[in-house]
Amino acid sequence: MTKMNSFLPLSLVLSLGCLLSQAEAGNLFRWVDSNGTVHYADNVPPSYSQTGHAELNALGMTVKNVPAAKTTEQAAEDDWIKGLEGKRQKFKDRQQQEDRELLATFSDVKQLDESHRDRIKMLQDSRKQMEVLRDKLNLELSDLQAALAKAQGAEQKRVQGFIDTKQKSKADYEIAIQQSLAEEKSAELAFQKQRSRFIELLDKQKAQEDSEAS
């Protein structure tokens, strides 16, 4: 029976000894070049410092992985994702704050409805007052137009000045009235959303109370 040689090849022993000596002296690194060849050394060449590498201990075990540097596109995508997550968190925080204020302000849906009706009435009263003033300006403008037709010289110029001033005021009222109408519509839409959310919160609150009671 032939006796097997229990000794390792000299080249392998020398290679392992060299690697262990490097590891004991300092850090040992492993990286892969552009051809897919694995390299071991006590430092990473500058040309491969951004492509990712591993740091090994004296036993050749990986103790740290340094990922490859991100490309401009990858970095931009990461920034976009972080920005999106930040916006989602802000929305969540704002929603939670609104929920707390809603539950603290109103005890039931009836109270919320009454508050909304009061606000809409206030907006409508303000708009109606502006409409009255606008209509009054229309009457005054009608009288001034009649006076302008009869005026001459300096008087005609003075009447025209009054007309210009009142027409500007009328235009301002028209803008304010349209803004008030838009605000009423916006308030109604916001209320419907708020009302649905309030009912949802009350249902969750009741379900939690029932669960705790049982």
Protein backbone atom coordinates (compact mmCIF):
# COMPACT_ATOMS: atom_id res chain seq x y z
CA MET A 1 0.00 0.00 0.00
CA THR A 2 1.42 3.32 -1.05
CA LYS A 3 1.77 5.90 1.70
CA MET A 4 0.20 9.30 0.74
CA ASN A 5 2.27 12.41 1.16
CA SER A 6 0.72 14.43 4.01
CA PHE A 7 2.72 17.55 3.24
CA LEU A 8 1.22 20.51 1.34
CA PRO A 9 2.93 21.70 -1.85
CA LEU A 10 5.69 24.16 -1.06
CA SER A 11 4.18 26.89 -3.31
CA LEU A 12 0.85 26.74 -1.46
CA VAL A 13 2.55 26.86 1.93
CA LEU A 14 4.57 29.88 0.86
CA SER A 15 1.48 31.65 -0.51
CA LEU A 16 -0.50 31.07 2.67
CA GLY A 17 2.44 32.11 4.78
CA CYS A 18 2.81 35.30 2.80
CA LEU A 19 -0.88 36.17 3.17
CA LEU A 20 -0.86 35.44 6.90
CA SER A 21 2.24 37.55 7.35
CA GLN A 22 0.53 40.45 5.56
CA ALA A 23 -2.61 40.03 7.67
CA GLU A 24 -0.61 39.98 10.89
CA ALA A 25 1.33 43.05 9.83
CA GLY A 26 -1.83 44.97 8.96
CA ASN A 27 -5.08 44.75 7.01
CA LEU A 28 -5.47 42.33 4.14
CA PHE A 29 -7.79 43.24 1.28
CA ARG A 30 -9.51 41.27 -1.45
CA TRP A 31 -10.79 42.82 -4.67
CA VAL A 32 -11.74 41.74 -8.17
CA ASP A 33 -10.29 43.41 -11.24
CA SER A 34 -12.08 44.22 -14.49
CA ASN A 35 -11.23 40.75 -15.85
CA GLY A 36 -12.85 38.99 -12.90
CA THR A 37 -9.55 37.97 -11.30
CA VAL A 38 -9.50 37.94 -7.49
CA HIS A 39 -6.55 39.70 -5.84
CA TYR A 40 -5.22 39.76 -2.27
CA ALA A 41 -2.86 42.42 -0.94
CA ASP A 42 -2.22 44.74 1.98
CA ASN A 43 -3.71 47.65 0.04
CA VAL A 44 -6.20 48.26 -2.76
CA PRO A 45 -4.85 49.95 -5.89
CA PRO A 46 -6.29 53.46 -6.37
CA SER A 47 -7.86 52.39 -9.67
CA TYR A 48 -10.00 49.83 -7.78
CA SER A 49 -10.67 51.80 -4.59
CA GLN A 50 -14.14 52.79 -5.81
CA THR A 51 -15.20 49.40 -7.22
CA GLY A 52 -15.76 47.64 -3.90
CA HIS A 53 -13.50 45.39 -1.84
CA ALA A 54 -13.36 43.26 1.31
CA GLU A 55 -11.16 43.53 4.39
CA LEU A 56 -9.93 40.22 5.83
CA ASN A 57 -8.57 39.21 9.23
CA ALA A 58 -5.51 37.04 9.96
CA LEU A 59 -7.58 33.89 9.34
CA GLY A 60 -8.68 35.09 5.92
CA MET A 61 -12.24 35.76 7.08
CA THR A 62 -14.12 38.81 5.84
CA VAL A 63 -14.54 41.38 8.60
CA LYS A 64 -15.72 44.29 6.49
CA ASN A 65 -17.20 44.79 3.05
CA VAL A 66 -16.73 48.16 1.38
CA PRO A 67 -19.37 48.56 -1.33
CA ALA A 68 -18.59 50.05 -4.70
CA ALA A 69 -19.09 53.79 -5.04
CA LYS A 70 -22.48 54.68 -6.50
CA THR A 71 -22.81 56.12 -9.96
CA THR A 72 -24.26 59.58 -10.50
CA GLU A 73 -27.54 57.99 -11.59
CA GLN A 74 -27.68 55.73 -8.51
CA ALA A 75 -26.92 58.64 -6.19
CA ALA A 76 -29.64 60.73 -7.85
CA GLU A 77 -32.13 57.87 -7.48
CA ASP A 78 -31.24 57.50 -3.79
CA ASP A 79 -31.77 61.23 -3.26
CA TRP A 80 -35.14 61.02 -5.03
CA ILE A 81 -36.23 58.08 -2.85
CA LYS A 82 -35.12 59.87 0.32
CA GLY A 83 -37.01 62.98 -0.76
CA LEU A 84 -40.13 60.94 -1.46
CA GLU A 85 -39.90 59.20 1.92
CA GLY A 86 -39.47 62.58 3.59
CA LYS A 87 -42.61 63.91 1.90
CA ARG A 88 -44.57 60.82 2.93
CA GLN A 89 -43.44 61.23 6.53
CA LYS A 90 -44.40 64.92 6.53
CA PHE A 91 -47.83 64.03 5.14
CA LYS A 92 -48.27 61.35 7.79
CA ASP A 93 -47.23 63.72 10.58
CA ARG A 94 -49.57 66.44 9.28
CA GLN A 95 -52.46 63.97 9.03
CA GLN A 96 -51.90 62.78 12.59
CA GLN A 97 -51.83 66.38 13.82
CA GLU A 98 -55.07 67.16 11.97
CA ASP A 99 -56.68 64.03 13.42
CA ARG A 100 -55.77 65.06 16.96
CA GLU A 101 -57.12 68.56 16.42
CA LEU A 102 -60.33 67.19 14.89
CA LEU A 103 -61.02 64.88 17.83
CA ALA A 104 -60.11 67.59 20.34
CA THR A 105 -62.35 70.22 18.70
CA PHE A 106 -65.55 68.29 17.97
CA SER A 107 -67.37 65.73 20.08
CA ASP A 108 -69.68 64.42 17.35
CA VAL A 109 -70.61 64.80 13.67
CA LYS A 110 -73.51 67.13 14.45
CA GLN A 111 -71.16 69.64 16.04
CA LEU A 112 -68.86 69.47 13.01
CA ASP A 113 -71.79 70.06 10.65
CA GLU A 114 -72.92 73.10 12.62
CA SER A 115 -69.42 74.57 12.53
CA HIS A 116 -69.30 74.13 8.76
CA ARG A 117 -72.71 75.76 8.26
CA ASP A 118 -71.60 78.74 10.32
CA ARG A 119 -68.48 79.16 8.22
CA ILE A 120 -70.34 78.91 4.92
CA LYS A 121 -72.91 81.43 6.15
CA MET A 122 -70.14 83.85 7.12
CA LEU A 123 -68.58 83.54 3.66
CA GLN A 124 -71.93 83.98 1.94
CA ASP A 125 -72.85 87.03 4.04
CA SER A 126 -69.52 88.63 3.19
CA ARG A 127 -70.01 87.91 -0.51
CA LYS A 128 -73.57 89.26 -0.51
CA GLN A 129 -72.37 92.47 1.11
CA MET A 130 -69.79 92.90 -1.65
CA GLU A 131 -72.47 92.22 -4.27
CA VAL A 132 -74.64 94.98 -2.75
CA LEU A 133 -71.74 97.43 -2.92
CA ARG A 134 -70.99 96.39 -6.50
CA ASP A 135 -74.62 96.92 -7.51
CA LYS A 136 -74.56 100.33 -5.86
CA LEU A 137 -71.49 101.21 -7.91
CA ASN A 138 -73.32 100.14 -11.06
CA LEU A 139 -76.12 102.62 -10.30
CA GLU A 140 -73.61 105.38 -9.58
CA LEU A 141 -71.78 104.61 -12.82
CA SER A 142 -75.04 104.79 -14.73
CA ASP A 143 -75.73 108.26 -13.29
CA LEU A 144 -72.17 109.39 -14.02
CA GLN A 145 -72.40 108.17 -17.61
CA ALA A 146 -75.54 110.27 -18.03
CA ALA A 147 -73.79 113.28 -16.45
CA LEU A 148 -70.77 112.77 -18.70
CA ALA A 149 -72.97 113.00 -21.79
CA LYS A 150 -74.10 116.46 -20.69
CA ALA A 151 -70.80 117.76 -19.30
CA GLN A 152 -68.40 119.93 -21.24
CA GLY A 153 -64.80 121.08 -20.85
CA ALA A 154 -63.30 120.76 -17.37
CA GLU A 155 -66.52 119.32 -15.95
CA GLN A 156 -66.41 116.50 -18.48
CA LYS A 157 -62.85 115.67 -17.43
CA ARG A 158 -63.82 115.71 -13.75
CA VAL A 159 -66.79 113.37 -14.31
CA GLN A 160 -64.61 111.01 -16.34
CA GLY A 161 -62.20 110.85 -13.40
CA PHE A 162 -65.07 109.78 -11.12
CA ILE A 163 -66.09 107.13 -13.63
CA ASP A 164 -62.57 105.71 -13.86
CA THR A 165 -62.25 105.50 -10.06
CA LYS A 166 -65.60 103.77 -9.61
CA GLN A 167 -64.95 101.35 -12.47
CA LYS A 168 -61.71 100.33 -10.77
CA SER A 169 -63.57 99.81 -7.49
CA LYS A 170 -66.19 97.76 -9.31
CA ALA A 171 -63.47 95.57 -10.85
CA ASP A 172 -61.96 95.03 -7.40
CA TYR A 173 -65.36 93.95 -6.04
CA GLU A 174 -65.85 91.55 -8.96
CA ILE A 175 -62.50 89.91 -8.20
CA ALA A 176 -63.31 89.69 -4.48
CA ILE A 177 -66.71 88.14 -5.22
CA GLN A 178 -65.17 85.49 -7.47
CA GLN A 179 -62.55 84.73 -4.83
CA SER A 180 -65.29 84.36 -2.23
CA LEU A 181 -67.20 81.94 -4.45
CA ALA A 182 -64.03 79.91 -4.96
CA GLU A 183 -63.41 79.89 -1.21
CA GLU A 184 -66.95 78.64 -0.56
CA LYS A 185 -66.45 75.81 -3.04
CA SER A 186 -63.05 74.93 -1.56
CA ALA A 187 -64.49 74.98 1.97
CA GLU A 188 -67.28 72.62 0.92
CA LEU A 189 -64.86 70.13 -0.65
CA ALA A 190 -62.55 70.28 2.37
CA PHE A 191 -65.50 69.78 4.70
CA GLN A 192 -66.68 66.64 2.91
CA LYS A 193 -63.20 65.16 3.21
CA GLN A 194 -62.91 66.26 6.84
CA ARG A 195 -66.35 64.85 7.69
CA SER A 196 -65.50 61.43 6.21
CA ARG A 197 -62.22 61.38 8.10
CA PHE A 198 -63.93 62.36 11.36
CA ILE A 199 -66.48 59.56 11.03
CA GLU A 200 -63.64 57.12 10.35
CA LEU A 201 -61.77 58.29 13.46
CA LEU A 202 -64.89 58.02 15.62
CA ASP A 203 -65.52 54.48 14.37
CA LYS A 204 -61.92 53.47 15.17
CA GLN A 205 -62.17 55.10 18.58
CA LYS A 206 -65.40 53.24 19.37
CA ALA A 207 -63.98 49.92 18.13
CA GLN A 208 -60.95 50.37 20.37
CA GLU A 209 -63.14 51.20 23.37
CA ASP A 210 -65.33 48.15 22.72
CA SER A 211 -62.23 45.96 22.42
CA GLU A 212 -60.82 47.25 25.70
CA ALA A 213 -64.19 46.79 27.44
CA SER A 214 -64.42 43.17 26.35
